[in-house]
Amino acid sequence: MWMVANIAYDEVELKKNVKEKGGKVSFKKGDTKADVARKLQEHYFNYATKVLQKRRGICEGYASLFYELCKASEIECDVVWGLASNYLKKIERYKKSKSMTTNHAWNKVKLNGQWLFIDVTWASKSTYDGKRHESDYYNPYYYLTTEDKPFITHVENKKKSKQRNEWAGNY
């Protein structure tokens, strides 16, 4: 709830990332598993710190901050990679597809032995486009949704999620 109230969705960063095509963390051919895990852990921590300091970020920033807060609280958490869209036909198509692109990051958290999805980005109620804009919009649907009833607007790229979380040393 604190993140929803205090972190704005950064439309300026989104436009910048689209132009740059992402790539905030890079790996080299000779990197060991330990190198990759260290780089990802540093990436999540540094990105979370940036979001916390600026009080704004895009989906990976929200997911990184939530991940780091869970880690500090000793709560098991993963960053989930996938596709999110309000076009439900698109989501259904990707759910049936063997390959997919990713355009979004969110989290899953383990509470009382059960994995639950949480998307602070889609629950958020403020935006930033050079100036912060508040709205009354808040969507609790994106909190603690069970794996057997995932968000209808999201589809997980399980291969990429598993790979990134393994690389980060979460498994």
Protein backbone atom coordinates (compact mmCIF):
# COMPACT_ATOMS: atom_id res chain seq x y z
CA MET A 1 0.00 0.00 0.00
CA TRP A 2 2.87 2.36 0.74
CA MET A 3 4.27 1.89 -2.76
CA VAL A 4 0.86 2.51 -4.36
CA ALA A 5 0.51 5.76 -2.43
CA ASN A 6 4.09 6.99 -2.79
CA ILE A 7 5.59 5.72 -6.05
CA ALA A 8 4.37 7.22 -9.34
CA TYR A 9 4.44 5.49 -12.70
CA ASP A 10 7.22 7.27 -14.62
CA GLU A 11 6.03 7.94 -18.16
CA VAL A 12 9.23 9.88 -18.90
CA GLU A 13 11.39 6.81 -18.10
CA LEU A 14 9.03 4.58 -20.08
CA LYS A 15 9.53 6.69 -23.22
CA LYS A 16 13.29 6.75 -22.64
CA ASN A 17 13.42 2.94 -22.21
CA VAL A 18 11.38 2.36 -25.35
CA LYS A 19 13.90 4.41 -27.32
CA GLU A 20 16.88 2.66 -25.70
CA LYS A 21 15.27 -0.82 -25.84
CA GLY A 22 16.10 -1.53 -22.18
CA GLY A 23 19.33 -3.36 -21.43
CA LYS A 24 20.09 -2.07 -17.94
CA VAL A 25 21.92 -5.22 -16.92
CA SER A 26 24.35 -6.95 -19.24
CA PHE A 27 26.15 -10.26 -19.14
CA LYS A 28 29.35 -11.41 -20.80
CA LYS A 29 29.93 -14.76 -22.44
CA GLY A 30 32.45 -15.85 -19.79
CA ASP A 31 30.29 -14.85 -16.79
CA THR A 32 29.96 -17.57 -14.17
CA LYS A 33 26.67 -18.29 -12.38
CA ALA A 34 28.04 -16.32 -9.43
CA ASP A 35 28.83 -13.35 -11.73
CA VAL A 36 25.33 -13.40 -13.20
CA ALA A 37 23.69 -13.69 -9.76
CA ARG A 38 25.81 -10.81 -8.44
CA LYS A 39 24.99 -8.61 -11.44
CA LEU A 40 21.24 -9.28 -11.14
CA GLN A 41 21.23 -8.72 -7.38
CA GLU A 42 23.13 -5.44 -7.86
CA HIS A 43 20.74 -4.45 -10.65
CA TYR A 44 17.64 -5.08 -8.52
CA PHE A 45 19.14 -3.27 -5.52
CA ASN A 46 20.36 -0.26 -7.54
CA TYR A 47 17.11 0.02 -9.48
CA ALA A 48 15.04 -0.25 -6.28
CA THR A 49 17.20 2.44 -4.65
CA LYS A 50 16.69 4.75 -7.64
CA VAL A 51 12.91 4.24 -7.54
CA LEU A 52 12.80 4.84 -3.80
CA GLN A 53 14.89 8.02 -4.07
CA LYS A 54 12.96 9.48 -7.02
CA ARG A 55 9.56 8.14 -5.85
CA ARG A 56 8.81 7.02 -9.40
CA GLY A 57 9.58 4.17 -11.77
CA ILE A 58 8.31 1.82 -14.45
CA CYS A 59 7.20 -1.78 -13.97
CA GLU A 60 10.67 -3.25 -13.47
CA GLY A 61 11.39 -0.52 -10.94
CA TYR A 62 8.24 -1.29 -8.98
CA ALA A 63 9.00 -5.03 -9.14
CA SER A 64 12.64 -4.48 -8.08
CA LEU A 65 11.64 -2.29 -5.13
CA PHE A 66 8.98 -4.75 -3.99
CA TYR A 67 11.51 -7.60 -4.37
CA GLU A 68 14.11 -5.75 -2.27
CA LEU A 69 11.56 -4.86 0.43
CA CYS A 70 10.53 -8.52 0.64
CA LYS A 71 14.16 -9.64 0.73
CA ALA A 72 14.89 -7.21 3.59
CA SER A 73 11.85 -8.59 5.42
CA GLU A 74 12.93 -12.19 4.76
CA ILE A 75 9.83 -12.86 2.65
CA GLU A 76 10.35 -15.14 -0.34
CA CYS A 77 9.69 -13.16 -3.52
CA ASP A 78 10.40 -13.46 -7.25
CA VAL A 79 10.25 -11.00 -10.11
CA VAL A 80 7.82 -12.26 -12.76
CA TRP A 81 8.34 -11.44 -16.44
CA GLY A 82 5.59 -11.55 -19.00
CA LEU A 83 3.06 -9.65 -21.01
CA ALA A 84 0.32 -7.38 -19.72
CA SER A 85 -2.47 -5.82 -21.72
CA ASN A 86 -6.06 -4.68 -21.35
CA TYR A 87 -6.69 -6.39 -24.70
CA LEU A 88 -7.84 -9.72 -23.31
CA LYS A 89 -7.87 -11.43 -26.72
CA LYS A 90 -4.15 -10.67 -27.00
CA ILE A 91 -3.54 -12.18 -23.54
CA GLU A 92 -5.53 -15.31 -24.46
CA ARG A 93 -3.50 -15.68 -27.66
CA TYR A 94 -0.23 -15.49 -25.72
CA LYS A 95 -1.47 -17.97 -23.10
CA LYS A 96 -1.79 -20.51 -25.92
CA SER A 97 1.51 -19.57 -27.58
CA LYS A 98 4.78 -21.43 -27.06
CA SER A 99 6.83 -18.23 -27.31
CA MET A 100 6.15 -14.66 -26.34
CA THR A 101 7.69 -11.28 -25.94
CA THR A 102 7.70 -9.57 -22.58
CA ASN A 103 6.58 -6.03 -21.86
CA HIS A 104 6.01 -6.11 -18.12
CA ALA A 105 7.39 -7.19 -14.76
CA TRP A 106 5.54 -7.89 -11.53
CA ASN A 107 6.07 -10.10 -8.49
CA LYS A 108 5.02 -13.26 -6.80
CA VAL A 109 5.44 -13.64 -3.09
CA LYS A 110 5.27 -16.73 -0.90
CA LEU A 111 3.02 -16.32 2.13
CA ASN A 112 2.01 -19.20 4.38
CA GLY A 113 3.46 -21.67 1.87
CA GLN A 114 1.42 -20.33 -1.07
CA TRP A 115 2.68 -18.30 -4.03
CA LEU A 116 0.58 -15.19 -4.72
CA PHE A 117 0.90 -12.66 -7.54
CA ILE A 118 1.16 -8.95 -6.84
CA ASP A 119 1.47 -6.13 -9.37
CA VAL A 120 2.13 -2.84 -7.63
CA THR A 121 2.44 -1.06 -10.98
CA TRP A 122 -1.12 -1.84 -12.08
CA ALA A 123 -2.45 -1.09 -8.60
CA SER A 124 -0.71 2.28 -8.49
CA LYS A 125 -2.67 5.50 -8.46
CA SER A 126 -0.27 8.19 -9.62
CA THR A 127 1.75 9.01 -12.73
CA TYR A 128 4.67 11.25 -13.53
CA ASP A 129 5.17 12.97 -16.90
CA GLY A 130 7.48 15.72 -15.67
CA LYS A 131 4.91 16.52 -13.00
CA ARG A 132 3.23 14.15 -10.54
CA HIS A 133 -0.48 13.45 -11.12
CA GLU A 134 -2.61 11.82 -8.44
CA SER A 135 -5.84 9.97 -9.05
CA ASP A 136 -8.37 8.25 -6.83
CA TYR A 137 -7.80 5.09 -8.86
CA TYR A 138 -6.50 2.14 -6.90
CA ASN A 139 -7.08 -1.44 -7.96
CA PRO A 140 -6.83 -4.04 -5.16
CA TYR A 141 -7.35 -6.81 -7.75
CA TYR A 142 -3.59 -6.77 -8.33
CA TYR A 143 -2.76 -7.80 -4.76
CA LEU A 144 -2.25 -11.37 -3.61
CA THR A 145 -3.91 -13.23 -6.47
CA THR A 146 -3.45 -17.00 -6.35
CA GLU A 147 -1.47 -18.84 -9.02
CA ASP A 148 -4.53 -20.86 -10.02
CA LYS A 149 -6.41 -17.61 -10.75
CA PRO A 150 -3.80 -15.32 -12.31
CA PHE A 151 -4.57 -11.80 -13.47
CA ILE A 152 -6.76 -11.88 -16.58
CA THR A 153 -4.72 -8.99 -18.00
CA HIS A 154 -1.34 -10.70 -17.56
CA VAL A 155 0.41 -13.80 -18.88
CA GLU A 156 3.68 -14.97 -17.38
CA ASN A 157 6.64 -15.91 -19.52
CA LYS A 158 7.46 -18.80 -17.19
CA LYS A 159 10.70 -19.66 -18.95
CA LYS A 160 12.10 -16.13 -18.65
CA SER A 161 10.82 -15.71 -15.06
CA LYS A 162 12.36 -19.00 -13.96
CA GLN A 163 15.63 -18.25 -15.75
CA ARG A 164 16.00 -14.75 -14.29
CA ASN A 165 15.12 -15.89 -10.76
CA GLU A 166 17.53 -18.82 -11.01
CA TRP A 167 20.23 -16.46 -12.27
CA ALA A 168 19.54 -14.11 -9.36
CA GLY A 169 20.04 -17.03 -6.98
CA ASN A 170 16.42 -17.23 -5.89
CA TYR A 171 16.12 -20.99 -6.48
